[in-house]
């Protein structure tokens, strides 16, 4: 079971969707990382997961 998870998250800035249908989960007591090229949406996904950016679709569970 995940401590923090996001299911089918779609988010972005204005009318532009940066992250579409993203699924992510973090297990309690584990170290996790997000890896990808510049501009892939890593920071945008993390901002949405932590509530700093509103999501357009999907669910976040804590």
PDB file of N, CA and C in Angstrom:
ATOM      1  N   UNK A   1       0.845  -1.179   0.000  1.00  0.00           N
ATOM      2  CA  UNK A   1       0.000   0.000   0.000  1.00  0.00           C
ATOM      3  C   UNK A   1       0.888   1.240   0.000  1.00  0.00           C
ATOM      4  N   UNK A   2       0.463   2.243  -0.757  1.00  0.00           N
ATOM      5  CA  UNK A   2       1.221   3.480  -0.875  1.00  0.00           C
ATOM      6  C   UNK A   2       0.902   4.434   0.271  1.00  0.00           C
ATOM      7  N   UNK A   3       1.901   5.209   0.699  1.00  0.00           N
ATOM      8  CA  UNK A   3       1.694   6.284   1.653  1.00  0.00           C
ATOM      9  C   UNK A   3       1.103   7.491   0.935  1.00  0.00           C
ATOM     10  N   UNK A   4       1.587   7.749  -0.269  1.00  0.00           N
ATOM     11  CA  UNK A   4       1.125   8.858  -1.094  1.00  0.00           C
ATOM     12  C   UNK A   4       1.020   8.360  -2.524  1.00  0.00           C
ATOM     13  N   UNK A   5      -0.114   8.616  -3.163  1.00  0.00           N
ATOM     14  CA  UNK A   5      -0.262   8.169  -4.546  1.00  0.00           C
ATOM     15  C   UNK A   5      -1.137   9.114  -5.341  1.00  0.00           C
ATOM     16  N   UNK A   6      -0.911   9.103  -6.635  1.00  0.00           N
ATOM     17  CA  UNK A   6      -1.723   9.853  -7.571  1.00  0.00           C
ATOM     18  C   UNK A   6      -2.141   8.930  -8.696  1.00  0.00           C
ATOM     19  N   UNK A   7      -3.402   8.979  -9.054  1.00  0.00           N
ATOM     20  CA  UNK A   7      -3.932   8.100 -10.101  1.00  0.00           C
ATOM     21  C   UNK A   7      -4.544   8.924 -11.224  1.00  0.00           C
ATOM     22  N   UNK A   8      -4.083   8.678 -12.429  1.00  0.00           N
ATOM     23  CA  UNK A   8      -4.598   9.329 -13.641  1.00  0.00           C
ATOM     24  C   UNK A   8      -4.603  10.845 -13.530  1.00  0.00           C
ATOM     25  N   UNK A   9      -3.521  11.408 -13.011  1.00  0.00           N
ATOM     26  CA  UNK A   9      -3.424  12.860 -12.822  1.00  0.00           C
ATOM     27  C   UNK A   9      -3.172  13.548 -14.164  1.00  0.00           C
ATOM     28  N   UNK A  10      -3.967  14.559 -14.426  1.00  0.00           N
ATOM     29  CA  UNK A  10      -3.746  15.453 -15.557  1.00  0.00           C
ATOM     30  C   UNK A  10      -3.643  16.853 -14.981  1.00  0.00           C
ATOM     31  N   UNK A  11      -2.554  17.553 -15.294  1.00  0.00           N
ATOM     32  CA  UNK A  11      -2.361  18.902 -14.772  1.00  0.00           C
ATOM     33  C   UNK A  11      -1.494  19.697 -15.734  1.00  0.00           C
ATOM     34  N   UNK A  12      -1.468  20.989 -15.527  1.00  0.00           N
ATOM     35  CA  UNK A  12      -0.668  21.873 -16.369  1.00  0.00           C
ATOM     36  C   UNK A  12      -0.907  23.307 -15.984  1.00  0.00           C
ATOM     37  N   UNK A  13      -0.561  24.191 -16.878  1.00  0.00           N
ATOM     38  CA  UNK A  13      -0.681  25.622 -16.639  1.00  0.00           C
ATOM     39  C   UNK A  13      -1.627  26.214 -17.670  1.00  0.00           C
ATOM     40  N   UNK A  14      -2.727  26.811 -17.202  1.00  0.00           N
ATOM     41  CA  UNK A  14      -3.715  27.359 -18.120  1.00  0.00           C
ATOM     42  C   UNK A  14      -4.393  26.251 -18.905  1.00  0.00           C
ATOM     43  N   UNK A  15      -4.492  26.440 -20.204  1.00  0.00           N
ATOM     44  CA  UNK A  15      -5.162  25.455 -21.054  1.00  0.00           C
ATOM     45  C   UNK A  15      -4.218  24.354 -21.526  1.00  0.00           C
ATOM     46  N   UNK A  16      -2.927  24.485 -21.206  1.00  0.00           N
ATOM     47  CA  UNK A  16      -1.929  23.515 -21.680  1.00  0.00           C
ATOM     48  C   UNK A  16      -1.735  22.411 -20.643  1.00  0.00           C
ATOM     49  N   UNK A  17      -1.988  21.161 -21.034  1.00  0.00           N
ATOM     50  CA  UNK A  17      -1.750  20.013 -20.166  1.00  0.00           C
ATOM     51  C   UNK A  17      -0.292  19.582 -20.317  1.00  0.00           C
ATOM     52  N   UNK A  18       0.439  19.616 -19.212  1.00  0.00           N
ATOM     53  CA  UNK A  18       1.848  19.211 -19.215  1.00  0.00           C
ATOM     54  C   UNK A  18       1.961  17.721 -18.887  1.00  0.00           C
ATOM     55  N   UNK A  19       1.181  17.268 -17.913  1.00  0.00           N
ATOM     56  CA  UNK A  19       1.176  15.868 -17.481  1.00  0.00           C
ATOM     57  C   UNK A  19      -0.210  15.307 -17.758  1.00  0.00           C
ATOM     58  N   UNK A  20      -0.276  14.169 -18.436  1.00  0.00           N
ATOM     59  CA  UNK A  20      -1.560  13.565 -18.791  1.00  0.00           C
ATOM     60  C   UNK A  20      -1.608  12.118 -18.320  1.00  0.00           C
ATOM     61  N   UNK A  21      -2.638  11.787 -17.527  1.00  0.00           N
ATOM     62  CA  UNK A  21      -2.868  10.419 -17.029  1.00  0.00           C
ATOM     63  C   UNK A  21      -1.644   9.810 -16.353  1.00  0.00           C
ATOM     64  N   UNK A  22      -1.046  10.549 -15.449  1.00  0.00           N
ATOM     65  CA  UNK A  22       0.147  10.111 -14.718  1.00  0.00           C
ATOM     66  C   UNK A  22      -0.264   9.310 -13.477  1.00  0.00           C
ATOM     67  N   UNK A  23       0.403   8.189 -13.248  1.00  0.00           N
ATOM     68  CA  UNK A  23       0.211   7.390 -12.044  1.00  0.00           C
ATOM     69  C   UNK A  23       1.534   7.335 -11.296  1.00  0.00           C
ATOM     70  N   UNK A  24       1.493   7.616  -9.994  1.00  0.00           N
ATOM     71  CA  UNK A  24       2.711   7.597  -9.186  1.00  0.00           C
ATOM     72  C   UNK A  24       2.357   7.162  -7.771  1.00  0.00           C
ATOM     73  N   UNK A  25       3.253   6.430  -7.140  1.00  0.00           N
ATOM     74  CA  UNK A  25       3.021   5.988  -5.766  1.00  0.00           C
ATOM     75  C   UNK A  25       4.321   5.907  -5.002  1.00  0.00           C
ATOM     76  N   UNK A  26       4.258   6.255  -3.718  1.00  0.00           N
ATOM     77  CA  UNK A  26       5.430   6.229  -2.845  1.00  0.00           C
ATOM     78  C   UNK A  26       5.098   5.364  -1.640  1.00  0.00           C
ATOM     79  N   UNK A  27       5.918   4.348  -1.403  1.00  0.00           N
ATOM     80  CA  UNK A  27       5.731   3.466  -0.252  1.00  0.00           C
ATOM     81  C   UNK A  27       6.286   4.107   1.017  1.00  0.00           C
ATOM     82  N   UNK A  28       5.659   3.857   2.149  1.00  0.00           N
ATOM     83  CA  UNK A  28       6.121   4.363   3.434  1.00  0.00           C
ATOM     84  C   UNK A  28       7.507   3.794   3.744  1.00  0.00           C
ATOM     85  N   UNK A  29       8.417   4.669   4.171  1.00  0.00           N
ATOM     86  CA  UNK A  29       9.753   4.252   4.563  1.00  0.00           C
ATOM     87  C   UNK A  29      10.720   4.000   3.419  1.00  0.00           C
ATOM     88  N   UNK A  30      10.322   4.306   2.198  1.00  0.00           N
ATOM     89  CA  UNK A  30      11.182   4.082   1.035  1.00  0.00           C
ATOM     90  C   UNK A  30      11.614   5.406   0.428  1.00  0.00           C
ATOM     91  N   UNK A  31      12.749   5.412  -0.209  1.00  0.00           N
ATOM     92  CA  UNK A  31      13.228   6.571  -0.949  1.00  0.00           C
ATOM     93  C   UNK A  31      12.825   6.390  -2.403  1.00  0.00           C
ATOM     94  N   UNK A  32      12.213   7.423  -2.971  1.00  0.00           N
ATOM     95  CA  UNK A  32      11.759   7.355  -4.364  1.00  0.00           C
ATOM     96  C   UNK A  32      12.347   8.516  -5.144  1.00  0.00           C
ATOM     97  N   UNK A  33      12.470   8.339  -6.441  1.00  0.00           N
ATOM     98  CA  UNK A  33      12.962   9.416  -7.296  1.00  0.00           C
ATOM     99  C   UNK A  33      12.140   9.441  -8.584  1.00  0.00           C
ATOM    100  N   UNK A  34      12.139  10.602  -9.201  1.00  0.00           N
ATOM    101  CA  UNK A  34      11.478  10.784 -10.489  1.00  0.00           C
ATOM    102  C   UNK A  34      12.567  11.192 -11.471  1.00  0.00           C
ATOM    103  N   UNK A  35      12.726  10.422 -12.527  1.00  0.00           N
ATOM    104  CA  UNK A  35      13.810  10.635 -13.476  1.00  0.00           C
ATOM    105  C   UNK A  35      13.236  10.855 -14.865  1.00  0.00           C
ATOM    106  N   UNK A  36      13.784  11.812 -15.587  1.00  0.00           N
ATOM    107  CA  UNK A  36      13.362  12.060 -16.954  1.00  0.00           C
ATOM    108  C   UNK A  36      14.089  13.253 -17.530  1.00  0.00           C
ATOM    109  N   UNK A  37      13.960  13.475 -18.815  1.00  0.00           N
ATOM    110  CA  UNK A  37      14.653  14.598 -19.464  1.00  0.00           C
ATOM    111  C   UNK A  37      14.033  15.943 -19.083  1.00  0.00           C
ATOM    112  N   UNK A  38      14.776  17.013 -19.364  1.00  0.00           N
ATOM    113  CA  UNK A  38      14.267  18.362 -19.131  1.00  0.00           C
ATOM    114  C   UNK A  38      12.966  18.558 -19.911  1.00  0.00           C
ATOM    115  N   UNK A  39      11.983  19.170 -19.246  1.00  0.00           N
ATOM    116  CA  UNK A  39      10.717  19.451 -19.901  1.00  0.00           C
ATOM    117  C   UNK A  39       9.741  18.298 -19.926  1.00  0.00           C
ATOM    118  N   UNK A  40      10.044  17.216 -19.240  1.00  0.00           N
ATOM    119  CA  UNK A  40       9.162  16.043 -19.261  1.00  0.00           C
ATOM    120  C   UNK A  40       7.958  16.174 -18.334  1.00  0.00           C
ATOM    121  N   UNK A  41       7.979  17.118 -17.393  1.00  0.00           N
ATOM    122  CA  UNK A  41       6.858  17.317 -16.484  1.00  0.00           C
ATOM    123  C   UNK A  41       7.103  16.811 -15.076  1.00  0.00           C
ATOM    124  N   UNK A  42       8.344  16.532 -14.729  1.00  0.00           N
ATOM    125  CA  UNK A  42       8.655  16.010 -13.387  1.00  0.00           C
ATOM    126  C   UNK A  42       8.235  16.989 -12.301  1.00  0.00           C
ATOM    127  N   UNK A  43       8.659  18.236 -12.408  1.00  0.00           N
ATOM    128  CA  UNK A  43       8.326  19.252 -11.395  1.00  0.00           C
ATOM    129  C   UNK A  43       6.835  19.542 -11.369  1.00  0.00           C
ATOM    130  N   UNK A  44       6.210  19.581 -12.518  1.00  0.00           N
ATOM    131  CA  UNK A  44       4.773  19.821 -12.602  1.00  0.00           C
ATOM    132  C   UNK A  44       4.002  18.711 -11.903  1.00  0.00           C
ATOM    133  N   UNK A  45       4.390  17.466 -12.120  1.00  0.00           N
ATOM    134  CA  UNK A  45       3.730  16.335 -11.471  1.00  0.00           C
ATOM    135  C   UNK A  45       3.909  16.400  -9.950  1.00  0.00           C
ATOM    136  N   UNK A  46       5.100  16.748  -9.488  1.00  0.00           N
ATOM    137  CA  UNK A  46       5.350  16.840  -8.045  1.00  0.00           C
ATOM    138  C   UNK A  46       4.548  17.981  -7.422  1.00  0.00           C
ATOM    139  N   UNK A  47       4.469  19.116  -8.108  1.00  0.00           N
ATOM    140  CA  UNK A  47       3.671  20.233  -7.603  1.00  0.00           C
ATOM    141  C   UNK A  47       2.206  19.833  -7.465  1.00  0.00           C
ATOM    142  N   UNK A  48       1.687  19.106  -8.424  1.00  0.00           N
ATOM    143  CA  UNK A  48       0.294  18.645  -8.361  1.00  0.00           C
ATOM    144  C   UNK A  48       0.115  17.635  -7.233  1.00  0.00           C
ATOM    145  N   UNK A  49       1.050  16.727  -7.080  1.00  0.00           N
ATOM    146  CA  UNK A  49       0.967  15.698  -6.051  1.00  0.00           C
ATOM    147  C   UNK A  49       0.978  16.302  -4.650  1.00  0.00           C
ATOM    148  N   UNK A  50       1.748  17.371  -4.459  1.00  0.00           N
ATOM    149  CA  UNK A  50       1.848  18.014  -3.143  1.00  0.00           C
ATOM    150  C   UNK A  50       0.841  19.147  -2.949  1.00  0.00           C
ATOM    151  N   UNK A  51      -0.073  19.343  -3.905  1.00  0.00           N
ATOM    152  CA  UNK A  51      -1.130  20.330  -3.745  1.00  0.00           C
ATOM    153  C   UNK A  51      -0.741  21.754  -4.086  1.00  0.00           C
ATOM    154  N   UNK A  52       0.396  21.958  -4.729  1.00  0.00           N
ATOM    155  CA  UNK A  52       0.844  23.297  -5.100  1.00  0.00           C
ATOM    156  C   UNK A  52       0.307  23.737  -6.459  1.00  0.00           C
ATOM    157  N   UNK A  53      -0.238  22.784  -7.206  1.00  0.00           N
ATOM    158  CA  UNK A  53      -0.804  23.043  -8.525  1.00  0.00           C
ATOM    159  C   UNK A  53      -2.104  22.262  -8.631  1.00  0.00           C
ATOM    160  N   UNK A  54      -3.196  22.912  -9.013  1.00  0.00           N
ATOM    161  CA  UNK A  54      -4.468  22.174  -9.105  1.00  0.00           C
ATOM    162  C   UNK A  54      -4.433  21.130 -10.225  1.00  0.00           C
ATOM    163  N   UNK A  55      -5.087  19.991  -9.964  1.00  0.00           N
ATOM    164  CA  UNK A  55      -5.180  18.956 -10.987  1.00  0.00           C
ATOM    165  C   UNK A  55      -6.491  19.121 -11.745  1.00  0.00           C
ATOM    166  N   UNK A  56      -6.472  18.788 -13.027  1.00  0.00           N
ATOM    167  CA  UNK A  56      -7.670  18.879 -13.860  1.00  0.00           C
ATOM    168  C   UNK A  56      -8.480  17.591 -13.780  1.00  0.00           C
ATOM    169  N   UNK A  57      -7.793  16.454 -13.711  1.00  0.00           N
ATOM    170  CA  UNK A  57      -8.440  15.143 -13.622  1.00  0.00           C
ATOM    171  C   UNK A  57      -7.582  14.262 -12.737  1.00  0.00           C
ATOM    172  N   UNK A  58      -8.189  13.257 -12.161  1.00  0.00           N
ATOM    173  CA  UNK A  58      -7.458  12.269 -11.365  1.00  0.00           C
ATOM    174  C   UNK A  58      -7.708  12.409  -9.888  1.00  0.00           C
ATOM    175  N   UNK A  59      -6.994  11.591  -9.110  1.00  0.00           N
ATOM    176  CA  UNK A  59      -7.146  11.554  -7.661  1.00  0.00           C
ATOM    177  C   UNK A  59      -5.796  11.488  -6.989  1.00  0.00           C
ATOM    178  N   UNK A  60      -5.703  12.105  -5.813  1.00  0.00           N
ATOM    179  CA  UNK A  60      -4.511  12.032  -4.985  1.00  0.00           C
ATOM    180  C   UNK A  60      -4.931  11.452  -3.656  1.00  0.00           C
ATOM    181  N   UNK A  61      -4.193  10.456  -3.191  1.00  0.00           N
ATOM    182  CA  UNK A  61      -4.506   9.786  -1.923  1.00  0.00           C
ATOM    183  C   UNK A  61      -3.321   9.880  -0.983  1.00  0.00           C
ATOM    184  N   UNK A  62      -3.598  10.188   0.287  1.00  0.00           N
ATOM    185  CA  UNK A  62      -2.562  10.233   1.319  1.00  0.00           C
ATOM    186  C   UNK A  62      -2.992   9.349   2.459  1.00  0.00           C
TER     187      UNK A  62
END
